[in-house]
N, C-alpha and C. Protein backbone atom coordinates (compact mmCIF):
# COMPACT_ATOMS: atom_id res chain seq x y z
N GLY A 1 -6.08 37.11 -31.72
CA GLY A 1 -5.96 36.09 -30.72
C GLY A 1 -6.74 36.48 -29.49
N GLY A 2 -6.78 35.59 -28.54
CA GLY A 2 -7.47 35.83 -27.29
C GLY A 2 -8.48 34.75 -26.99
N TYR A 3 -9.26 34.95 -25.95
CA TYR A 3 -10.26 33.97 -25.56
C TYR A 3 -11.39 34.69 -24.85
N GLN A 4 -12.51 34.00 -24.75
CA GLN A 4 -13.67 34.57 -24.08
C GLN A 4 -14.08 33.60 -22.98
N LEU A 5 -14.33 34.13 -21.80
CA LEU A 5 -14.78 33.31 -20.68
C LEU A 5 -16.29 33.27 -20.66
N GLU A 6 -16.84 32.12 -20.32
CA GLU A 6 -18.30 32.01 -20.20
C GLU A 6 -18.73 32.65 -18.90
N LYS A 7 -19.71 33.55 -18.99
CA LYS A 7 -20.15 34.29 -17.81
C LYS A 7 -20.66 33.38 -16.72
N GLU A 8 -21.35 32.31 -17.08
CA GLU A 8 -21.93 31.42 -16.08
C GLU A 8 -20.87 30.77 -15.18
N LYS A 9 -19.66 30.62 -15.67
CA LYS A 9 -18.61 29.94 -14.92
C LYS A 9 -17.72 30.90 -14.14
N ASN A 10 -18.04 32.18 -14.14
CA ASN A 10 -17.17 33.15 -13.51
C ASN A 10 -17.83 33.93 -12.38
N HIS A 11 -18.83 33.37 -11.77
CA HIS A 11 -19.48 34.03 -10.65
C HIS A 11 -18.68 33.74 -9.38
N ILE A 12 -18.21 34.77 -8.76
CA ILE A 12 -17.49 34.63 -7.50
C ILE A 12 -18.35 35.26 -6.43
N ASP A 13 -18.73 34.48 -5.44
CA ASP A 13 -19.58 34.99 -4.37
C ASP A 13 -18.73 35.80 -3.40
N VAL A 14 -18.89 37.11 -3.45
CA VAL A 14 -18.15 37.98 -2.55
C VAL A 14 -19.08 38.60 -1.51
N GLY A 15 -20.33 38.12 -1.45
CA GLY A 15 -21.26 38.60 -0.43
C GLY A 15 -21.81 39.98 -0.69
N LEU A 16 -21.93 40.38 -1.96
CA LEU A 16 -22.44 41.71 -2.27
C LEU A 16 -23.97 41.75 -2.13
N THR A 17 -24.47 42.88 -1.67
CA THR A 17 -25.91 43.11 -1.58
C THR A 17 -26.32 44.03 -2.72
N ASN A 18 -27.65 44.20 -2.90
CA ASN A 18 -28.13 45.12 -3.93
C ASN A 18 -27.62 46.53 -3.65
N ARG A 19 -27.56 46.92 -2.38
CA ARG A 19 -27.04 48.24 -2.05
C ARG A 19 -25.57 48.36 -2.48
N ASP A 20 -24.79 47.30 -2.27
CA ASP A 20 -23.39 47.32 -2.69
C ASP A 20 -23.27 47.52 -4.20
N ILE A 21 -24.11 46.85 -4.97
CA ILE A 21 -24.08 46.99 -6.42
C ILE A 21 -24.43 48.43 -6.82
N THR A 22 -25.46 48.98 -6.17
CA THR A 22 -25.86 50.36 -6.44
C THR A 22 -24.72 51.31 -6.13
N ILE A 23 -24.04 51.09 -5.03
CA ILE A 23 -22.91 51.95 -4.65
C ILE A 23 -21.82 51.89 -5.71
N LEU A 24 -21.48 50.68 -6.16
CA LEU A 24 -20.45 50.55 -7.19
C LEU A 24 -20.84 51.31 -8.46
N GLU A 25 -22.11 51.25 -8.81
CA GLU A 25 -22.57 51.93 -10.03
C GLU A 25 -22.51 53.44 -9.88
N LYS A 26 -22.71 53.95 -8.67
CA LYS A 26 -22.76 55.40 -8.46
C LYS A 26 -21.41 56.01 -8.07
N VAL A 27 -20.44 55.21 -7.76
CA VAL A 27 -19.16 55.72 -7.26
C VAL A 27 -18.54 56.73 -8.21
N GLU A 28 -18.51 56.42 -9.49
CA GLU A 28 -17.88 57.32 -10.44
C GLU A 28 -18.57 58.68 -10.48
N GLU A 29 -19.91 58.68 -10.32
CA GLU A 29 -20.65 59.95 -10.36
C GLU A 29 -20.63 60.68 -9.03
N ASP A 30 -20.70 59.96 -7.91
CA ASP A 30 -20.96 60.59 -6.62
C ASP A 30 -19.88 60.39 -5.56
N ILE A 31 -18.68 60.13 -5.92
CA ILE A 31 -17.65 59.82 -4.93
C ILE A 31 -17.41 60.98 -3.96
N ARG A 32 -17.80 62.19 -4.32
CA ARG A 32 -17.60 63.34 -3.44
C ARG A 32 -18.53 63.30 -2.22
N GLU A 33 -19.61 62.53 -2.29
CA GLU A 33 -20.55 62.44 -1.17
C GLU A 33 -19.94 61.59 -0.05
N VAL A 34 -19.81 62.15 1.16
CA VAL A 34 -19.11 61.52 2.27
C VAL A 34 -19.69 60.16 2.63
N SER A 35 -21.00 60.03 2.71
CA SER A 35 -21.60 58.75 3.12
C SER A 35 -21.28 57.65 2.11
N LEU A 36 -21.20 57.99 0.82
CA LEU A 36 -20.83 56.99 -0.20
C LEU A 36 -19.35 56.64 -0.11
N GLN A 37 -18.51 57.58 0.29
CA GLN A 37 -17.10 57.28 0.43
C GLN A 37 -16.88 56.16 1.44
N GLU A 38 -17.59 56.23 2.57
CA GLU A 38 -17.46 55.19 3.61
C GLU A 38 -18.00 53.86 3.10
N ASP A 39 -19.17 53.90 2.42
CA ASP A 39 -19.72 52.67 1.86
C ASP A 39 -18.79 52.09 0.79
N TYR A 40 -18.21 52.95 -0.01
CA TYR A 40 -17.30 52.51 -1.06
C TYR A 40 -16.09 51.80 -0.45
N LYS A 41 -15.54 52.37 0.58
CA LYS A 41 -14.40 51.74 1.25
C LYS A 41 -14.78 50.37 1.79
N ARG A 42 -15.97 50.27 2.39
CA ARG A 42 -16.45 48.99 2.95
C ARG A 42 -16.63 47.95 1.84
N VAL A 43 -17.25 48.36 0.75
CA VAL A 43 -17.50 47.44 -0.35
C VAL A 43 -16.20 46.98 -0.99
N THR A 44 -15.31 47.90 -1.26
CA THR A 44 -14.04 47.51 -1.89
C THR A 44 -13.22 46.61 -0.98
N GLN A 45 -13.31 46.81 0.32
CA GLN A 45 -12.61 45.92 1.25
C GLN A 45 -13.18 44.51 1.19
N ARG A 46 -14.50 44.40 1.08
CA ARG A 46 -15.13 43.08 0.95
C ARG A 46 -14.68 42.39 -0.32
N ILE A 47 -14.61 43.15 -1.40
CA ILE A 47 -14.15 42.58 -2.67
C ILE A 47 -12.70 42.11 -2.56
N LYS A 48 -11.87 42.95 -1.96
CA LYS A 48 -10.45 42.59 -1.78
C LYS A 48 -10.31 41.33 -0.93
N ASN A 49 -11.06 41.25 0.16
CA ASN A 49 -10.98 40.08 1.04
C ASN A 49 -11.39 38.81 0.31
N ALA A 50 -12.47 38.89 -0.49
CA ALA A 50 -12.92 37.72 -1.25
C ALA A 50 -11.87 37.32 -2.28
N TYR A 51 -11.28 38.32 -2.94
CA TYR A 51 -10.24 38.05 -3.93
C TYR A 51 -9.04 37.35 -3.28
N LEU A 52 -8.59 37.88 -2.14
CA LEU A 52 -7.44 37.28 -1.46
C LEU A 52 -7.74 35.86 -1.00
N LYS A 53 -8.96 35.64 -0.53
CA LYS A 53 -9.36 34.29 -0.12
C LYS A 53 -9.30 33.34 -1.30
N ASN A 54 -9.82 33.78 -2.46
CA ASN A 54 -9.77 32.94 -3.65
C ASN A 54 -8.33 32.65 -4.07
N ILE A 55 -7.47 33.65 -4.00
CA ILE A 55 -6.05 33.47 -4.35
C ILE A 55 -5.41 32.44 -3.43
N ARG A 56 -5.66 32.57 -2.11
CA ARG A 56 -5.07 31.62 -1.16
C ARG A 56 -5.55 30.20 -1.43
N GLU A 57 -6.85 30.06 -1.73
CA GLU A 57 -7.39 28.72 -2.04
C GLU A 57 -6.76 28.16 -3.30
N GLN A 58 -6.60 28.99 -4.33
CA GLN A 58 -5.97 28.54 -5.57
C GLN A 58 -4.52 28.15 -5.33
N ASP A 59 -3.79 28.95 -4.56
CA ASP A 59 -2.39 28.64 -4.25
C ASP A 59 -2.29 27.34 -3.47
N GLY A 60 -3.20 27.16 -2.51
CA GLY A 60 -3.21 25.92 -1.73
C GLY A 60 -3.42 24.71 -2.62
N LYS A 61 -4.34 24.82 -3.59
CA LYS A 61 -4.59 23.72 -4.53
C LYS A 61 -3.36 23.47 -5.40
N LYS A 62 -2.70 24.57 -5.87
CA LYS A 62 -1.50 24.43 -6.68
C LYS A 62 -0.39 23.73 -5.89
N LEU A 63 -0.23 24.15 -4.63
CA LEU A 63 0.81 23.56 -3.79
C LEU A 63 0.55 22.08 -3.58
N GLU A 64 -0.70 21.71 -3.28
CA GLU A 64 -1.04 20.30 -3.08
C GLU A 64 -0.79 19.50 -4.35
N GLU A 65 -1.12 20.09 -5.51
CA GLU A 65 -0.89 19.42 -6.78
C GLU A 65 0.61 19.22 -7.02
N LEU A 66 1.40 20.26 -6.75
CA LEU A 66 2.85 20.14 -6.92
C LEU A 66 3.42 19.08 -5.99
N LYS A 67 2.94 19.06 -4.75
CA LYS A 67 3.42 18.07 -3.79
C LYS A 67 3.04 16.66 -4.21
N SER A 68 1.81 16.49 -4.70
CA SER A 68 1.36 15.15 -5.08
C SER A 68 2.08 14.65 -6.33
N ASN A 69 2.50 15.58 -7.21
CA ASN A 69 3.24 15.19 -8.41
C ASN A 69 4.72 15.02 -8.17
N SER A 70 5.20 15.51 -7.04
CA SER A 70 6.62 15.45 -6.73
C SER A 70 7.02 14.06 -6.24
N LYS A 71 8.17 13.62 -6.70
CA LYS A 71 8.69 12.33 -6.25
C LYS A 71 9.62 12.51 -5.04
N THR A 72 9.80 13.76 -4.63
CA THR A 72 10.69 14.07 -3.52
C THR A 72 9.95 13.91 -2.19
N THR A 73 10.64 13.35 -1.23
CA THR A 73 10.05 13.20 0.10
C THR A 73 10.74 14.15 1.08
N ILE A 74 10.08 14.40 2.19
CA ILE A 74 10.67 15.24 3.24
C ILE A 74 12.00 14.64 3.69
N GLU A 75 12.06 13.31 3.75
CA GLU A 75 13.30 12.64 4.17
C GLU A 75 14.46 12.95 3.21
N GLU A 76 14.16 12.98 1.91
CA GLU A 76 15.21 13.28 0.93
C GLU A 76 15.67 14.74 1.05
N ILE A 77 14.72 15.64 1.25
CA ILE A 77 15.08 17.05 1.44
C ILE A 77 15.91 17.19 2.72
N TYR A 78 15.47 16.52 3.79
CA TYR A 78 16.19 16.56 5.06
C TYR A 78 17.64 16.08 4.88
N MET A 79 17.82 14.95 4.21
CA MET A 79 19.17 14.40 4.03
C MET A 79 20.03 15.33 3.17
N THR A 80 19.44 15.96 2.17
CA THR A 80 20.19 16.91 1.34
C THR A 80 20.61 18.12 2.17
N MET A 81 19.71 18.61 3.00
CA MET A 81 20.05 19.77 3.85
C MET A 81 21.13 19.40 4.86
N ARG A 82 21.07 18.18 5.41
CA ARG A 82 22.11 17.72 6.35
C ARG A 82 23.46 17.72 5.64
N LYS A 83 23.47 17.20 4.41
CA LYS A 83 24.71 17.14 3.64
C LYS A 83 25.21 18.56 3.36
N ALA A 84 24.31 19.46 2.99
CA ALA A 84 24.69 20.85 2.71
C ALA A 84 25.27 21.52 3.95
N ILE A 85 24.68 21.27 5.11
CA ILE A 85 25.18 21.85 6.36
C ILE A 85 26.58 21.31 6.66
N HIS A 86 26.74 20.01 6.51
CA HIS A 86 28.03 19.37 6.82
C HIS A 86 29.12 19.86 5.86
N GLN A 87 28.80 19.98 4.57
CA GLN A 87 29.79 20.36 3.57
C GLN A 87 29.84 21.86 3.29
N LYS A 88 28.93 22.64 3.95
CA LYS A 88 28.85 24.10 3.76
C LYS A 88 28.53 24.45 2.30
N CYS A 89 27.67 23.65 1.67
CA CYS A 89 27.28 23.89 0.28
C CYS A 89 26.00 24.72 0.22
N LYS A 90 25.93 25.56 -0.79
CA LYS A 90 24.71 26.31 -1.05
C LYS A 90 23.67 25.36 -1.66
N VAL A 91 22.39 25.72 -1.48
CA VAL A 91 21.31 24.94 -2.06
C VAL A 91 20.37 25.90 -2.78
N GLN A 92 20.05 25.56 -4.01
CA GLN A 92 19.06 26.34 -4.75
C GLN A 92 17.70 25.67 -4.52
N ILE A 93 16.70 26.46 -4.13
CA ILE A 93 15.38 25.92 -3.86
C ILE A 93 14.31 26.72 -4.62
N VAL A 94 13.21 26.07 -4.88
CA VAL A 94 11.98 26.75 -5.26
C VAL A 94 11.09 26.57 -4.05
N TYR A 95 10.70 27.70 -3.45
CA TYR A 95 10.00 27.67 -2.17
C TYR A 95 8.63 28.33 -2.28
N TYR A 96 7.65 27.69 -1.68
CA TYR A 96 6.31 28.26 -1.64
C TYR A 96 6.05 28.90 -0.28
N SER A 97 5.59 30.14 -0.29
CA SER A 97 5.11 30.76 0.95
C SER A 97 3.80 31.46 0.64
N ILE A 98 2.97 31.57 1.63
CA ILE A 98 1.65 32.16 1.44
C ILE A 98 1.73 33.62 1.04
N ASN A 99 2.81 34.30 1.44
CA ASN A 99 2.95 35.73 1.13
C ASN A 99 3.55 35.98 -0.24
N THR A 100 4.61 35.27 -0.58
CA THR A 100 5.32 35.55 -1.83
C THR A 100 5.06 34.49 -2.89
N HIS A 101 4.24 33.51 -2.57
CA HIS A 101 3.93 32.41 -3.49
C HIS A 101 5.21 31.64 -3.78
N MET A 102 5.53 31.36 -5.03
CA MET A 102 6.72 30.56 -5.32
C MET A 102 7.88 31.44 -5.76
N THR A 103 9.00 31.23 -5.08
CA THR A 103 10.21 31.98 -5.44
C THR A 103 11.39 31.04 -5.51
N LYS A 104 12.32 31.37 -6.40
CA LYS A 104 13.58 30.63 -6.50
C LYS A 104 14.59 31.35 -5.62
N ARG A 105 15.28 30.61 -4.77
CA ARG A 105 16.23 31.20 -3.84
C ARG A 105 17.49 30.34 -3.77
N ILE A 106 18.56 30.97 -3.34
CA ILE A 106 19.77 30.23 -2.99
C ILE A 106 19.96 30.44 -1.50
N ILE A 107 20.08 29.33 -0.78
CA ILE A 107 20.21 29.40 0.67
C ILE A 107 21.50 28.76 1.14
N HIS A 108 21.91 29.17 2.35
CA HIS A 108 23.08 28.59 3.01
C HIS A 108 22.55 27.90 4.27
N PRO A 109 22.22 26.62 4.20
CA PRO A 109 21.64 25.94 5.36
C PRO A 109 22.58 25.92 6.56
N ALA A 110 22.01 26.21 7.73
CA ALA A 110 22.82 26.24 8.96
C ALA A 110 22.37 25.20 9.97
N GLU A 111 21.07 24.99 10.07
CA GLU A 111 20.56 24.07 11.10
C GLU A 111 19.19 23.54 10.71
N LEU A 112 18.94 22.29 11.05
CA LEU A 112 17.61 21.68 10.88
C LEU A 112 16.99 21.54 12.25
N PHE A 113 15.70 21.76 12.33
CA PHE A 113 14.99 21.61 13.60
C PHE A 113 13.52 21.29 13.34
N GLN A 114 12.91 20.70 14.36
CA GLN A 114 11.50 20.40 14.26
C GLN A 114 10.71 21.35 15.15
N TYR A 115 9.65 21.92 14.60
CA TYR A 115 8.79 22.84 15.35
C TYR A 115 7.34 22.50 14.98
N LYS A 116 6.53 22.28 15.98
CA LYS A 116 5.12 21.91 15.77
C LYS A 116 4.98 20.75 14.81
N GLN A 117 5.81 19.74 15.01
CA GLN A 117 5.81 18.49 14.24
C GLN A 117 6.11 18.68 12.76
N GLN A 118 6.80 19.77 12.42
CA GLN A 118 7.21 20.00 11.04
C GLN A 118 8.70 20.35 11.02
N TRP A 119 9.42 19.79 10.03
CA TRP A 119 10.84 20.06 9.91
C TRP A 119 11.07 21.38 9.19
N HIS A 120 12.06 22.13 9.70
CA HIS A 120 12.45 23.42 9.13
C HIS A 120 13.96 23.44 8.98
N VAL A 121 14.42 24.29 8.08
CA VAL A 121 15.85 24.56 7.99
C VAL A 121 16.04 26.07 8.21
N ALA A 122 16.98 26.39 9.07
CA ALA A 122 17.38 27.79 9.26
C ALA A 122 18.53 28.02 8.30
N ALA A 123 18.41 29.07 7.49
CA ALA A 123 19.42 29.29 6.45
C ALA A 123 19.52 30.78 6.11
N PHE A 124 20.71 31.16 5.69
CA PHE A 124 20.86 32.51 5.13
C PHE A 124 20.27 32.47 3.73
N CYS A 125 19.39 33.42 3.42
CA CYS A 125 18.75 33.50 2.12
C CYS A 125 19.41 34.62 1.33
N GLU A 126 20.00 34.28 0.18
CA GLU A 126 20.66 35.30 -0.63
C GLU A 126 19.66 36.31 -1.20
N LEU A 127 18.45 35.86 -1.48
CA LEU A 127 17.43 36.78 -2.01
C LEU A 127 17.06 37.86 -1.01
N ARG A 128 16.83 37.48 0.24
CA ARG A 128 16.39 38.43 1.27
C ARG A 128 17.56 39.00 2.07
N ARG A 129 18.76 38.44 1.90
CA ARG A 129 19.97 38.89 2.58
C ARG A 129 19.82 38.82 4.10
N GLU A 130 19.16 37.77 4.59
CA GLU A 130 19.01 37.57 6.03
C GLU A 130 18.72 36.11 6.32
N ILE A 131 18.83 35.77 7.59
CA ILE A 131 18.52 34.41 8.03
C ILE A 131 17.02 34.22 7.96
N ARG A 132 16.59 33.12 7.37
CA ARG A 132 15.18 32.80 7.23
C ARG A 132 14.95 31.35 7.66
N LEU A 133 13.72 31.06 8.02
CA LEU A 133 13.32 29.70 8.37
C LEU A 133 12.43 29.16 7.26
N PHE A 134 12.74 27.97 6.77
CA PHE A 134 12.01 27.37 5.66
C PHE A 134 11.44 26.03 6.09
N LYS A 135 10.13 25.83 5.91
CA LYS A 135 9.51 24.54 6.15
C LYS A 135 9.95 23.60 5.04
N LEU A 136 10.41 22.43 5.41
CA LEU A 136 10.86 21.49 4.39
C LEU A 136 9.71 21.09 3.45
N GLU A 137 8.51 20.99 4.00
CA GLU A 137 7.38 20.58 3.15
C GLU A 137 7.01 21.62 2.10
N ASN A 138 7.48 22.87 2.26
CA ASN A 138 7.18 23.90 1.28
C ASN A 138 8.30 24.10 0.26
N ILE A 139 9.32 23.26 0.34
CA ILE A 139 10.38 23.27 -0.66
C ILE A 139 9.91 22.38 -1.82
N ILE A 140 9.60 23.01 -2.93
CA ILE A 140 9.03 22.31 -4.08
C ILE A 140 10.11 21.62 -4.90
N GLU A 141 11.23 22.32 -5.10
CA GLU A 141 12.39 21.77 -5.81
C GLU A 141 13.65 22.19 -5.07
N TYR A 142 14.70 21.39 -5.23
CA TYR A 142 15.97 21.74 -4.59
C TYR A 142 17.12 21.13 -5.37
N THR A 143 18.25 21.83 -5.33
CA THR A 143 19.47 21.34 -5.96
C THR A 143 20.64 21.69 -5.06
N LEU A 144 21.39 20.68 -4.67
CA LEU A 144 22.61 20.90 -3.90
C LEU A 144 23.66 21.43 -4.86
N LEU A 145 24.17 22.61 -4.58
CA LEU A 145 25.17 23.24 -5.45
C LEU A 145 26.58 22.89 -4.98
N SER A 146 27.51 22.94 -5.88
CA SER A 146 28.90 22.64 -5.51
C SER A 146 29.57 23.84 -4.86
N GLU A 147 28.94 25.01 -4.96
CA GLU A 147 29.52 26.24 -4.40
C GLU A 147 29.46 26.22 -2.87
N ILE A 148 30.61 26.49 -2.25
CA ILE A 148 30.73 26.52 -0.78
C ILE A 148 30.40 27.92 -0.30
N TYR A 149 29.70 28.00 0.83
CA TYR A 149 29.39 29.32 1.38
C TYR A 149 30.28 29.63 2.57
N ASP A 150 30.48 30.92 2.80
CA ASP A 150 31.27 31.41 3.92
C ASP A 150 30.37 31.51 5.14
N GLU A 151 30.73 30.82 6.21
CA GLU A 151 29.94 30.85 7.45
C GLU A 151 29.86 32.24 8.06
N ASN A 152 30.84 33.07 7.81
CA ASN A 152 30.91 34.39 8.43
C ASN A 152 30.42 35.50 7.51
N ILE A 153 29.47 35.20 6.68
CA ILE A 153 28.96 36.20 5.74
C ILE A 153 28.35 37.38 6.48
N SER A 154 28.58 38.57 5.97
CA SER A 154 28.00 39.76 6.55
C SER A 154 26.65 40.03 5.89
N ILE A 155 25.61 40.12 6.68
CA ILE A 155 24.26 40.33 6.17
C ILE A 155 24.14 41.70 5.50
N ASN A 156 24.93 42.66 5.90
CA ASN A 156 24.85 44.02 5.36
C ASN A 156 25.64 44.22 4.08
N GLN A 157 26.19 43.18 3.50
CA GLN A 157 27.01 43.31 2.28
C GLN A 157 26.22 43.87 1.13
């Protein structure tokens, strides 16, 4: 099993020069040379930066696709969070963040607020064991749970 990628479709422009290519080819043989060590660090940092940029762009496209396919509106998420706050119910969410990408979490919503024209919910996050702020627009899926949370939960538990 397996698959083969076409080389023509896999060129990622990371801004490498001919010198950068030469350095990569010589690294295994000459890494002990101090001047190459510095060049190697510079080149690998450029590659890492390009890779991270591509990942962020791909994640952004995935998020936009998920949002466009979702039938959920910010208003529906807002109303569910209001209900959860009023009834002290836990909410299970699938949340997108630029750092951790998509994660499933159970939160204890405490307050809704608007910041920079975007709605957020402040909630205790069971995954991180601390109060976190979640943008409503980055909540991909949500389920209001019947489980009631304790307002006086100890974060150090």
